[in-house]
PDB file of N, CA and C in Angstrom:
ATOM      1  N   MET A   1     -80.863-124.882 -42.703  1.00  0.00           N
ATOM      2  CA  MET A   1     -80.733-124.209 -44.164  1.00  0.00           C
ATOM      3  C   MET A   1     -79.362-124.406 -44.643  1.00  0.00           C
ATOM      4  N   ILE A   2     -78.439-124.592 -43.807  1.00  0.00           N
ATOM      5  CA  ILE A   2     -77.150-124.901 -44.522  1.00  0.00           C
ATOM      6  C   ILE A   2     -76.993-126.228 -44.858  1.00  0.00           C
ATOM      7  N   GLU A   3     -77.769-127.301 -44.425  1.00  0.00           N
ATOM      8  CA  GLU A   3     -77.677-128.541 -44.840  1.00  0.00           C
ATOM      9  C   GLU A   3     -78.547-128.662 -46.159  1.00  0.00           C
ATOM     10  N   LYS A   4     -79.451-127.821 -46.420  1.00  0.00           N
ATOM     11  CA  LYS A   4     -80.203-127.710 -47.607  1.00  0.00           C
ATOM     12  C   LYS A   4     -79.311-127.118 -48.659  1.00  0.00           C
ATOM     13  N   PHE A   5     -78.627-126.273 -48.307  1.00  0.00           N
ATOM     14  CA  PHE A   5     -77.709-125.629 -49.181  1.00  0.00           C
ATOM     15  C   PHE A   5     -76.656-126.495 -49.704  1.00  0.00           C
ATOM     16  N   LEU A   6     -75.957-127.478 -48.841  1.00  0.00           N
ATOM     17  CA  LEU A   6     -75.230-128.482 -49.162  1.00  0.00           C
ATOM     18  C   LEU A   6     -75.682-129.534 -50.072  1.00  0.00           C
ATOM     19  N   ARG A   7     -76.902-129.970 -49.820  1.00  0.00           N
ATOM     20  CA  ARG A   7     -77.509-130.896 -50.557  1.00  0.00           C
ATOM     21  C   ARG A   7     -77.790-130.302 -52.097  1.00  0.00           C
ATOM     22  N   THR A   8     -77.976-129.093 -52.291  1.00  0.00           N
ATOM     23  CA  THR A   8     -78.391-128.440 -53.561  1.00  0.00           C
ATOM     24  C   THR A   8     -77.007-127.838 -54.243  1.00  0.00           C
ATOM     25  N   HIS A   9     -76.037-127.706 -53.566  1.00  0.00           N
ATOM     26  CA  HIS A   9     -74.758-127.250 -54.111  1.00  0.00           C
ATOM     27  C   HIS A   9     -73.664-128.146 -53.794  1.00  0.00           C
ATOM     28  N   SER A  10     -73.500-129.278 -54.648  1.00  0.00           N
ATOM     29  CA  SER A  10     -72.567-130.190 -54.569  1.00  0.00           C
ATOM     30  C   SER A  10     -71.138-129.729 -54.657  1.00  0.00           C
ATOM     31  N   GLU A  11     -70.807-128.521 -55.068  1.00  0.00           N
ATOM     32  CA  GLU A  11     -69.647-128.041 -55.272  1.00  0.00           C
ATOM     33  C   GLU A  11     -69.065-127.422 -54.037  1.00  0.00           C
ATOM     34  N   PHE A  12     -69.848-127.581 -52.837  1.00  0.00           N
ATOM     35  CA  PHE A  12     -69.322-127.182 -51.412  1.00  0.00           C
ATOM     36  C   PHE A  12     -69.366-128.460 -50.572  1.00  0.00           C
ATOM     37  N   GLU A  13     -68.477-128.161 -49.531  1.00  0.00           N
ATOM     38  CA  GLU A  13     -68.422-129.351 -48.558  1.00  0.00           C
ATOM     39  C   GLU A  13     -68.274-128.649 -47.042  1.00  0.00           C
ATOM     40  N   PRO A  14     -68.470-129.225 -46.100  1.00  0.00           N
ATOM     41  CA  PRO A  14     -68.405-128.725 -44.847  1.00  0.00           C
ATOM     42  C   PRO A  14     -66.955-128.673 -44.515  1.00  0.00           C
ATOM     43  N   CYS A  15     -66.431-127.644 -43.718  1.00  0.00           N
ATOM     44  CA  CYS A  15     -65.212-127.408 -43.418  1.00  0.00           C
ATOM     45  C   CYS A  15     -64.991-127.254 -41.875  1.00  0.00           C
ATOM     46  N   PRO A  16     -64.259-127.959 -40.985  1.00  0.00           N
ATOM     47  CA  PRO A  16     -64.355-128.038 -39.773  1.00  0.00           C
ATOM     48  C   PRO A  16     -63.796-126.599 -39.232  1.00  0.00           C
ATOM     49  N   ILE A  17     -64.424-126.131 -37.985  1.00  0.00           N
ATOM     50  CA  ILE A  17     -64.156-125.008 -37.364  1.00  0.00           C
ATOM     51  C   ILE A  17     -62.952-125.177 -36.341  1.00  0.00           C
ATOM     52  N   LYS A  18     -61.921-124.642 -36.311  1.00  0.00           N
ATOM     53  CA  LYS A  18     -60.992-124.708 -35.186  1.00  0.00           C
ATOM     54  C   LYS A  18     -61.424-123.892 -34.125  1.00  0.00           C
ATOM     55  N   LEU A  19     -61.799-124.182 -33.080  1.00  0.00           N
ATOM     56  CA  LEU A  19     -62.036-123.220 -31.904  1.00  0.00           C
ATOM     57  C   LEU A  19     -60.917-122.785 -30.990  1.00  0.00           C
ATOM     58  N   PRO A  20     -60.872-121.508 -30.694  1.00  0.00           N
ATOM     59  CA  PRO A  20     -59.606-121.064 -29.864  1.00  0.00           C
ATOM     60  C   PRO A  20     -59.786-121.813 -28.682  1.00  0.00           C
ATOM     61  N   HIS A  21     -58.602-121.826 -28.025  1.00  0.00           N
ATOM     62  CA  HIS A  21     -58.290-122.523 -26.785  1.00  0.00           C
ATOM     63  C   HIS A  21     -59.311-122.094 -25.717  1.00  0.00           C
ATOM     64  N   GLY A  22     -59.871-123.022 -24.838  1.00  0.00           N
ATOM     65  CA  GLY A  22     -60.875-122.622 -23.871  1.00  0.00           C
ATOM     66  C   GLY A  22     -62.277-122.439 -24.414  1.00  0.00           C
ATOM     67  N   ILE A  23     -62.590-122.546 -25.686  1.00  0.00           N
ATOM     68  CA  ILE A  23     -63.924-122.512 -26.045  1.00  0.00           C
ATOM     69  C   ILE A  23     -64.431-123.922 -26.342  1.00  0.00           C
ATOM     70  N   GLU A  24     -65.441-124.209 -25.878  1.00  0.00           N
ATOM     71  CA  GLU A  24     -65.874-125.704 -26.185  1.00  0.00           C
ATOM     72  C   GLU A  24     -67.375-125.509 -26.690  1.00  0.00           C
ATOM     73  N   ARG A  25     -67.848-126.394 -27.511  1.00  0.00           N
ATOM     74  CA  ARG A  25     -69.424-126.349 -28.023  1.00  0.00           C
ATOM     75  C   ARG A  25     -70.214-126.813 -26.615  1.00  0.00           C
ATOM     76  N   ALA A  26     -71.452-125.785 -26.604  1.00  0.00           N
ATOM     77  CA  ALA A  26     -72.347-126.015 -25.534  1.00  0.00           C
ATOM     78  C   ALA A  26     -73.405-127.236 -25.970  1.00  0.00           C
ATOM     79  N   ILE A  27     -73.468-127.505 -27.033  1.00  0.00           N
ATOM     80  CA  ILE A  27     -74.409-128.578 -27.344  1.00  0.00           C
ATOM     81  C   ILE A  27     -73.690-129.489 -28.406  1.00  0.00           C
ATOM     82  N   ASP A  28     -74.167-130.633 -28.662  1.00  0.00           N
ATOM     83  CA  ASP A  28     -73.817-131.706 -29.606  1.00  0.00           C
ATOM     84  C   ASP A  28     -74.052-131.233 -30.992  1.00  0.00           C
ATOM     85  N   GLU A  29     -73.015-130.968 -31.744  1.00  0.00           N
ATOM     86  CA  GLU A  29     -73.288-130.368 -33.204  1.00  0.00           C
ATOM     87  C   GLU A  29     -71.983-130.819 -33.999  1.00  0.00           C
ATOM     88  N   PRO A  30     -72.057-130.893 -35.351  1.00  0.00           N
ATOM     89  CA  PRO A  30     -70.902-131.336 -36.105  1.00  0.00           C
ATOM     90  C   PRO A  30     -69.862-130.241 -35.924  1.00  0.00           C
ATOM     91  N   ASP A  31     -68.580-130.721 -36.286  1.00  0.00           N
ATOM     92  CA  ASP A  31     -67.499-129.888 -35.949  1.00  0.00           C
ATOM     93  C   ASP A  31     -67.361-128.845 -37.065  1.00  0.00           C
ATOM     94  N   TRP A  32     -68.108-128.715 -38.025  1.00  0.00           N
ATOM     95  CA  TRP A  32     -68.316-127.479 -39.094  1.00  0.00           C
ATOM     96  C   TRP A  32     -69.384-126.381 -38.526  1.00  0.00           C
ATOM     97  N   GLN A  33     -69.955-126.553 -37.268  1.00  0.00           N
ATOM     98  CA  GLN A  33     -70.842-125.758 -36.919  1.00  0.00           C
ATOM     99  C   GLN A  33     -70.743-125.237 -35.467  1.00  0.00           C
ATOM    100  N   ILE A  34     -71.071-124.108 -34.901  1.00  0.00           N
ATOM    101  CA  ILE A  34     -71.119-123.945 -33.551  1.00  0.00           C
ATOM    102  C   ILE A  34     -72.285-122.939 -33.497  1.00  0.00           C
ATOM    103  N   THR A  35     -72.887-122.936 -32.265  1.00  0.00           N
ATOM    104  CA  THR A  35     -73.935-122.304 -31.885  1.00  0.00           C
ATOM    105  C   THR A  35     -73.479-121.560 -30.572  1.00  0.00           C
ATOM    106  N   LEU A  36     -73.532-120.088 -30.509  1.00  0.00           N
ATOM    107  CA  LEU A  36     -73.157-119.359 -29.375  1.00  0.00           C
ATOM    108  C   LEU A  36     -74.227-118.935 -28.553  1.00  0.00           C
ATOM    109  N   PHE A  37     -74.353-119.228 -27.375  1.00  0.00           N
ATOM    110  CA  PHE A  37     -75.499-118.891 -26.531  1.00  0.00           C
ATOM    111  C   PHE A  37     -74.962-117.684 -25.648  1.00  0.00           C
ATOM    112  N   PRO A  38     -75.951-116.690 -25.581  1.00  0.00           N
ATOM    113  CA  PRO A  38     -75.674-115.534 -24.692  1.00  0.00           C
ATOM    114  C   PRO A  38     -75.236-115.741 -23.216  1.00  0.00           C
ATOM    115  N   HIS A  39     -76.031-116.672 -22.584  1.00  0.00           N
ATOM    116  CA  HIS A  39     -75.969-116.937 -21.302  1.00  0.00           C
ATOM    117  C   HIS A  39     -74.653-117.822 -20.990  1.00  0.00           C
ATOM    118  N   ILE A  40     -74.083-118.327 -22.048  1.00  0.00           N
ATOM    119  CA  ILE A  40     -72.827-119.245 -21.916  1.00  0.00           C
ATOM    120  C   ILE A  40     -71.580-118.478 -22.289  1.00  0.00           C
ATOM    121  N   PHE A  41     -71.626-117.839 -23.368  1.00  0.00           N
ATOM    122  CA  PHE A  41     -70.419-117.239 -23.927  1.00  0.00           C
ATOM    123  C   PHE A  41     -70.253-115.825 -23.676  1.00  0.00           C
ATOM    124  N   ASN A  42     -71.323-115.092 -23.015  1.00  0.00           N
ATOM    125  CA  ASN A  42     -71.442-113.711 -22.858  1.00  0.00           C
ATOM    126  C   ASN A  42     -71.303-113.021 -24.230  1.00  0.00           C
ATOM    127  N   THR A  43     -71.961-113.311 -25.269  1.00  0.00           N
ATOM    128  CA  THR A  43     -72.126-112.734 -26.525  1.00  0.00           C
ATOM    129  C   THR A  43     -73.513-112.679 -26.954  1.00  0.00           C
ATOM    130  N   ASP A  44     -73.736-112.016 -28.000  1.00  0.00           N
ATOM    131  CA  ASP A  44     -75.060-112.232 -28.702  1.00  0.00           C
ATOM    132  C   ASP A  44     -75.107-113.585 -29.064  1.00  0.00           C
ATOM    133  N   GLY A  45     -76.412-114.003 -29.524  1.00  0.00           N
ATOM    134  CA  GLY A  45     -76.570-115.493 -29.851  1.00  0.00           C
ATOM    135  C   GLY A  45     -76.164-115.484 -31.296  1.00  0.00           C
ATOM    136  N   PHE A  46     -75.412-116.558 -31.756  1.00  0.00           N
ATOM    137  CA  PHE A  46     -74.965-116.671 -33.080  1.00  0.00           C
ATOM    138  C   PHE A  46     -74.953-118.127 -33.392  1.00  0.00           C
ATOM    139  N   PHE A  47     -75.209-118.539 -34.775  1.00  0.00           N
ATOM    140  CA  PHE A  47     -74.952-119.717 -35.374  1.00  0.00           C
ATOM    141  C   PHE A  47     -73.919-119.624 -36.444  1.00  0.00           C
ATOM    142  N   ILE A  48     -72.964-120.373 -36.367  1.00  0.00           N
ATOM    143  CA  ILE A  48     -71.881-120.324 -37.326  1.00  0.00           C
ATOM    144  C   ILE A  48     -71.705-121.607 -38.125  1.00  0.00           C
ATOM    145  N   SER A  49     -71.530-121.693 -39.167  1.00  0.00           N
ATOM    146  CA  SER A  49     -71.239-122.962 -40.093  1.00  0.00           C
ATOM    147  C   SER A  49     -70.019-122.459 -41.036  1.00  0.00           C
ATOM    148  N   SER A  50     -69.408-123.507 -41.448  1.00  0.00           N
ATOM    149  CA  SER A  50     -68.311-123.349 -42.234  1.00  0.00           C
ATOM    150  C   SER A  50     -68.271-124.168 -43.403  1.00  0.00           C
ATOM    151  N   VAL A  51     -68.242-123.753 -44.645  1.00  0.00           N
ATOM    152  CA  VAL A  51     -68.248-124.660 -45.843  1.00  0.00           C
ATOM    153  C   VAL A  51     -67.156-124.120 -46.765  1.00  0.00           C
ATOM    154  N   ARG A  52     -66.867-124.860 -47.638  1.00  0.00           N
ATOM    155  CA  ARG A  52     -65.743-124.423 -48.648  1.00  0.00           C
ATOM    156  C   ARG A  52     -66.164-124.948 -50.003  1.00  0.00           C
ATOM    157  N   ARG A  53     -65.673-124.347 -51.021  1.00  0.00           N
ATOM    158  CA  ARG A  53     -65.789-124.840 -52.404  1.00  0.00           C
ATOM    159  C   ARG A  53     -64.882-126.056 -52.565  1.00  0.00           C
ATOM    160  N   LYS A  54     -65.287-127.126 -52.980  1.00  0.00           N
ATOM    161  CA  LYS A  54     -64.367-128.330 -53.336  1.00  0.00           C
ATOM    162  C   LYS A  54     -63.250-127.852 -54.469  1.00  0.00           C
ATOM    163  N   ASP A  55     -62.145-128.565 -54.356  1.00  0.00           N
ATOM    164  CA  ASP A  55     -61.160-128.320 -55.178  1.00  0.00           C
ATOM    165  C   ASP A  55     -61.526-128.832 -56.686  1.00  0.00           C
TER     166      ASP A  55
END
């Protein structure tokens, strides 16, 4: 859904997510997205993406 949003809202662009020390992505994904899995991160499951409005 976020990729569709970016295709239809050209005023936004992906923004890299800086992960805290010790947190690594569990799957191969762009640096502006992260998926948190309960069995790996001891959290609820989450998908996070970061975008920003272009200057």
